[in-house]
Structure formats: structure tokens, C-alpha cells
Amino acid sequence: MRYVEQLKRFETQCNKVGIHHVHGLRHHYAQERYRELTGWECPANGGPKSKALTPEQKLIDREARLTISGELGHEREQVTAQYVGR
């Protein structure tokens, strides 16, 4: 099944039980998970932007983004910018 087909199936089932706008839950999860993995808020929640991070923090940031990306089923670090900011 393609992603779009799976997403439609998921949204239909959620709507049947009264759960709407579920994609926001992914954003919330990613942002909370980023804080858990890094120890600071993500840029989307007012945390430091990438340019303000030290080299050590940039390594932590990248590892966190890769972890979150995998957990969300994307496997690409770039996708996390949509969820946690840059």
C-alpha cells in the first residue's frame, strides 16, 4: 500500500471514532521527543536555532533528528525540519 493510501485509511478510521487533525499529533510527538533526546526545546518551540548551537550540540541535534525521522518512518533527517524547525 502506498503512503497516501495508508494515510487515507488511517484518517478514515480516526474520523469514525471522532479523532480529527491527527497530523498535529506527529508534530507534538516530534517536538517532545526532540526535547527528550537533546535536553533543550526545538527551534519550533523557541529553542536555539542551528546557527546558535556549539559543535557538540550540533552532533546531538543531528542524532536526535535522525532518531526522530526513523521513528516517524521517514529515514531522512531533512524531514524533521517540518516538525521541529531548523
N, C-alpha and C. Protein backbone atom coordinates (compact mmCIF):
# COMPACT_ATOMS: atom_id res chain seq x y z
N MET A 1 0.84 -1.17 0.00
CA MET A 1 0.00 0.00 0.00
C MET A 1 0.90 1.24 0.00
N ARG A 2 0.57 2.20 -0.83
CA ARG A 2 1.34 3.44 -0.87
C ARG A 2 1.04 4.28 0.36
N TYR A 3 1.93 5.23 0.66
CA TYR A 3 1.77 6.08 1.83
C TYR A 3 0.44 6.82 1.81
N VAL A 4 0.08 7.39 0.69
CA VAL A 4 -1.16 8.17 0.59
C VAL A 4 -2.37 7.28 0.87
N GLU A 5 -2.34 6.07 0.37
CA GLU A 5 -3.45 5.14 0.61
C GLU A 5 -3.54 4.78 2.10
N GLN A 6 -2.40 4.52 2.71
CA GLN A 6 -2.37 4.21 4.13
C GLN A 6 -2.84 5.40 4.96
N LEU A 7 -2.42 6.60 4.58
CA LEU A 7 -2.82 7.80 5.30
C LEU A 7 -4.33 7.99 5.23
N LYS A 8 -4.91 7.81 4.07
CA LYS A 8 -6.37 7.95 3.92
C LYS A 8 -7.10 6.91 4.78
N ARG A 9 -6.60 5.70 4.80
CA ARG A 9 -7.21 4.65 5.62
C ARG A 9 -7.15 5.03 7.10
N PHE A 10 -5.99 5.50 7.52
CA PHE A 10 -5.80 5.92 8.91
C PHE A 10 -6.74 7.08 9.26
N GLU A 11 -6.80 8.10 8.40
CA GLU A 11 -7.66 9.25 8.66
C GLU A 11 -9.13 8.84 8.71
N THR A 12 -9.53 7.94 7.85
CA THR A 12 -10.92 7.47 7.85
C THR A 12 -11.25 6.78 9.16
N GLN A 13 -10.36 5.92 9.63
CA GLN A 13 -10.60 5.23 10.90
C GLN A 13 -10.62 6.21 12.07
N CYS A 14 -9.74 7.18 12.07
CA CYS A 14 -9.73 8.19 13.13
C CYS A 14 -11.01 9.00 13.12
N ASN A 15 -11.46 9.41 11.94
CA ASN A 15 -12.69 10.18 11.84
C ASN A 15 -13.89 9.41 12.36
N LYS A 16 -13.91 8.10 12.13
CA LYS A 16 -15.03 7.27 12.60
C LYS A 16 -15.16 7.30 14.12
N VAL A 17 -14.04 7.46 14.83
CA VAL A 17 -14.08 7.48 16.29
C VAL A 17 -13.95 8.90 16.85
N GLY A 18 -14.05 9.91 15.97
CA GLY A 18 -14.06 11.29 16.42
C GLY A 18 -12.71 11.94 16.64
N ILE A 19 -11.66 11.38 16.10
CA ILE A 19 -10.32 11.99 16.22
C ILE A 19 -10.02 12.70 14.90
N HIS A 20 -9.78 14.02 14.99
CA HIS A 20 -9.56 14.81 13.79
C HIS A 20 -8.21 15.52 13.87
N HIS A 21 -7.70 15.93 12.71
CA HIS A 21 -6.44 16.68 12.61
C HIS A 21 -5.28 15.94 13.28
N VAL A 22 -5.13 14.69 12.95
CA VAL A 22 -4.14 13.84 13.62
C VAL A 22 -2.69 14.16 13.25
N HIS A 23 -2.46 14.85 12.15
CA HIS A 23 -1.08 15.12 11.79
C HIS A 23 -0.41 16.01 12.83
N GLY A 24 -1.18 16.83 13.50
CA GLY A 24 -0.64 17.66 14.58
C GLY A 24 -0.06 16.83 15.70
N LEU A 25 -0.57 15.63 15.89
CA LEU A 25 -0.03 14.73 16.90
C LEU A 25 1.40 14.33 16.57
N ARG A 26 1.70 14.20 15.29
CA ARG A 26 3.06 13.86 14.87
C ARG A 26 4.02 15.00 15.20
N HIS A 27 3.55 16.23 14.98
CA HIS A 27 4.38 17.39 15.31
C HIS A 27 4.64 17.43 16.82
N HIS A 28 3.60 17.23 17.59
CA HIS A 28 3.75 17.25 19.04
C HIS A 28 4.72 16.16 19.50
N TYR A 29 4.55 14.96 18.96
CA TYR A 29 5.43 13.86 19.31
C TYR A 29 6.88 14.21 18.98
N ALA A 30 7.12 14.69 17.75
CA ALA A 30 8.48 15.01 17.31
C ALA A 30 9.11 16.08 18.20
N GLN A 31 8.34 17.09 18.56
CA GLN A 31 8.87 18.17 19.39
C GLN A 31 9.18 17.70 20.81
N GLU A 32 8.31 16.89 21.37
CA GLU A 32 8.57 16.35 22.71
C GLU A 32 9.77 15.40 22.69
N ARG A 33 9.83 14.59 21.66
CA ARG A 33 10.93 13.62 21.54
C ARG A 33 12.27 14.35 21.36
N TYR A 34 12.26 15.44 20.60
CA TYR A 34 13.48 16.23 20.41
C TYR A 34 13.98 16.73 21.76
N ARG A 35 13.07 17.25 22.58
CA ARG A 35 13.45 17.74 23.91
C ARG A 35 14.01 16.62 24.77
N GLU A 36 13.40 15.45 24.71
CA GLU A 36 13.88 14.30 25.48
C GLU A 36 15.30 13.89 25.06
N LEU A 37 15.55 13.91 23.77
CA LEU A 37 16.84 13.44 23.24
C LEU A 37 17.96 14.46 23.37
N THR A 38 17.62 15.76 23.30
CA THR A 38 18.66 16.78 23.31
C THR A 38 18.81 17.48 24.66
N GLY A 39 17.72 17.58 25.39
CA GLY A 39 17.76 18.31 26.66
C GLY A 39 17.37 19.77 26.52
N TRP A 40 17.02 20.20 25.30
CA TRP A 40 16.56 21.58 25.10
C TRP A 40 15.40 21.58 24.12
N GLU A 41 14.66 22.70 24.11
CA GLU A 41 13.50 22.83 23.22
C GLU A 41 13.95 22.87 21.76
N CYS A 42 13.08 22.44 20.89
CA CYS A 42 13.38 22.51 19.47
C CYS A 42 13.17 23.95 18.97
N PRO A 43 13.75 24.31 17.84
CA PRO A 43 13.58 25.66 17.31
C PRO A 43 12.11 26.05 17.11
N ALA A 44 11.27 25.09 16.74
CA ALA A 44 9.85 25.39 16.54
C ALA A 44 9.15 25.79 17.83
N ASN A 45 9.73 25.43 18.97
CA ASN A 45 9.16 25.79 20.28
C ASN A 45 9.99 26.85 20.99
N GLY A 46 10.78 27.61 20.23
CA GLY A 46 11.57 28.68 20.82
C GLY A 46 12.97 28.30 21.24
N GLY A 47 13.37 27.07 20.96
CA GLY A 47 14.72 26.63 21.29
C GLY A 47 15.74 27.24 20.34
N PRO A 48 17.02 26.97 20.58
CA PRO A 48 18.07 27.58 19.77
C PRO A 48 18.03 27.11 18.31
N LYS A 49 18.29 28.04 17.42
CA LYS A 49 18.41 27.72 16.00
C LYS A 49 19.74 27.01 15.77
N SER A 50 19.86 26.35 14.66
CA SER A 50 21.06 25.57 14.33
C SER A 50 22.33 26.41 14.41
N LYS A 51 22.26 27.64 13.95
CA LYS A 51 23.45 28.51 13.94
C LYS A 51 23.96 28.82 15.35
N ALA A 52 23.08 28.75 16.34
CA ALA A 52 23.46 29.09 17.71
C ALA A 52 24.05 27.90 18.48
N LEU A 53 24.00 26.70 17.90
CA LEU A 53 24.48 25.51 18.60
C LEU A 53 26.00 25.39 18.53
N THR A 54 26.57 24.86 19.58
CA THR A 54 28.00 24.55 19.59
C THR A 54 28.24 23.32 18.72
N PRO A 55 29.48 23.06 18.34
CA PRO A 55 29.74 21.84 17.55
C PRO A 55 29.25 20.57 18.26
N GLU A 56 29.43 20.48 19.57
CA GLU A 56 28.95 19.32 20.31
C GLU A 56 27.43 19.23 20.27
N GLN A 57 26.76 20.35 20.44
CA GLN A 57 25.30 20.38 20.39
C GLN A 57 24.79 20.03 18.99
N LYS A 58 25.53 20.42 17.96
CA LYS A 58 25.12 20.09 16.59
C LYS A 58 25.13 18.58 16.37
N LEU A 59 26.09 17.89 16.96
CA LEU A 59 26.12 16.43 16.86
C LEU A 59 24.92 15.81 17.57
N ILE A 60 24.60 16.32 18.75
CA ILE A 60 23.43 15.84 19.50
C ILE A 60 22.16 16.11 18.70
N ASP A 61 22.08 17.32 18.13
CA ASP A 61 20.92 17.72 17.32
C ASP A 61 20.74 16.76 16.13
N ARG A 62 21.82 16.49 15.42
CA ARG A 62 21.72 15.61 14.25
C ARG A 62 21.29 14.21 14.63
N GLU A 63 21.87 13.67 15.69
CA GLU A 63 21.48 12.33 16.13
C GLU A 63 20.01 12.29 16.54
N ALA A 64 19.56 13.31 17.22
CA ALA A 64 18.15 13.38 17.63
C ALA A 64 17.25 13.43 16.40
N ARG A 65 17.61 14.24 15.44
CA ARG A 65 16.80 14.36 14.22
C ARG A 65 16.76 13.04 13.45
N LEU A 66 17.88 12.34 13.37
CA LEU A 66 17.89 11.04 12.70
C LEU A 66 17.02 10.03 13.44
N THR A 67 17.08 10.04 14.75
CA THR A 67 16.26 9.14 15.56
C THR A 67 14.78 9.43 15.34
N ILE A 68 14.41 10.70 15.43
CA ILE A 68 13.01 11.10 15.26
C ILE A 68 12.52 10.77 13.86
N SER A 69 13.34 11.05 12.86
CA SER A 69 12.98 10.74 11.48
C SER A 69 12.68 9.25 11.32
N GLY A 70 13.53 8.41 11.88
CA GLY A 70 13.30 6.96 11.81
C GLY A 70 12.03 6.56 12.54
N GLU A 71 11.79 7.15 13.69
CA GLU A 71 10.59 6.82 14.46
C GLU A 71 9.32 7.24 13.74
N LEU A 72 9.41 8.30 12.94
CA LEU A 72 8.25 8.76 12.18
C LEU A 72 8.12 8.06 10.83
N GLY A 73 9.09 7.19 10.52
CA GLY A 73 9.01 6.41 9.29
C GLY A 73 9.55 7.11 8.07
N HIS A 74 10.36 8.15 8.25
CA HIS A 74 10.86 8.89 7.10
C HIS A 74 12.27 8.48 6.70
N GLU A 75 13.14 8.24 7.67
CA GLU A 75 14.53 7.85 7.42
C GLU A 75 15.37 8.95 6.77
N ARG A 76 14.86 10.20 6.75
CA ARG A 76 15.64 11.32 6.22
C ARG A 76 15.63 12.44 7.25
N GLU A 77 16.79 12.91 7.63
CA GLU A 77 16.91 13.95 8.64
C GLU A 77 16.22 15.25 8.20
N GLN A 78 16.26 15.57 6.90
CA GLN A 78 15.68 16.81 6.41
C GLN A 78 14.20 16.95 6.73
N VAL A 79 13.48 15.85 6.79
CA VAL A 79 12.05 15.87 7.04
C VAL A 79 11.74 16.43 8.41
N THR A 80 12.64 16.24 9.35
CA THR A 80 12.38 16.70 10.72
C THR A 80 12.27 18.21 10.81
N ALA A 81 12.83 18.95 9.87
CA ALA A 81 12.71 20.41 9.88
C ALA A 81 11.24 20.83 9.86
N GLN A 82 10.39 20.06 9.22
CA GLN A 82 8.97 20.36 9.19
C GLN A 82 8.31 20.19 10.55
N TYR A 83 8.85 19.33 11.36
CA TYR A 83 8.27 19.04 12.67
C TYR A 83 8.91 19.84 13.81
N VAL A 84 10.21 20.00 13.79
CA VAL A 84 10.89 20.63 14.92
C VAL A 84 11.57 21.95 14.58
N GLY A 85 11.59 22.33 13.32
CA GLY A 85 12.24 23.58 12.92
C GLY A 85 13.69 23.36 12.55
N ARG A 86 14.35 24.43 12.23
CA ARG A 86 15.74 24.33 11.82
C ARG A 86 16.52 25.31 12.64
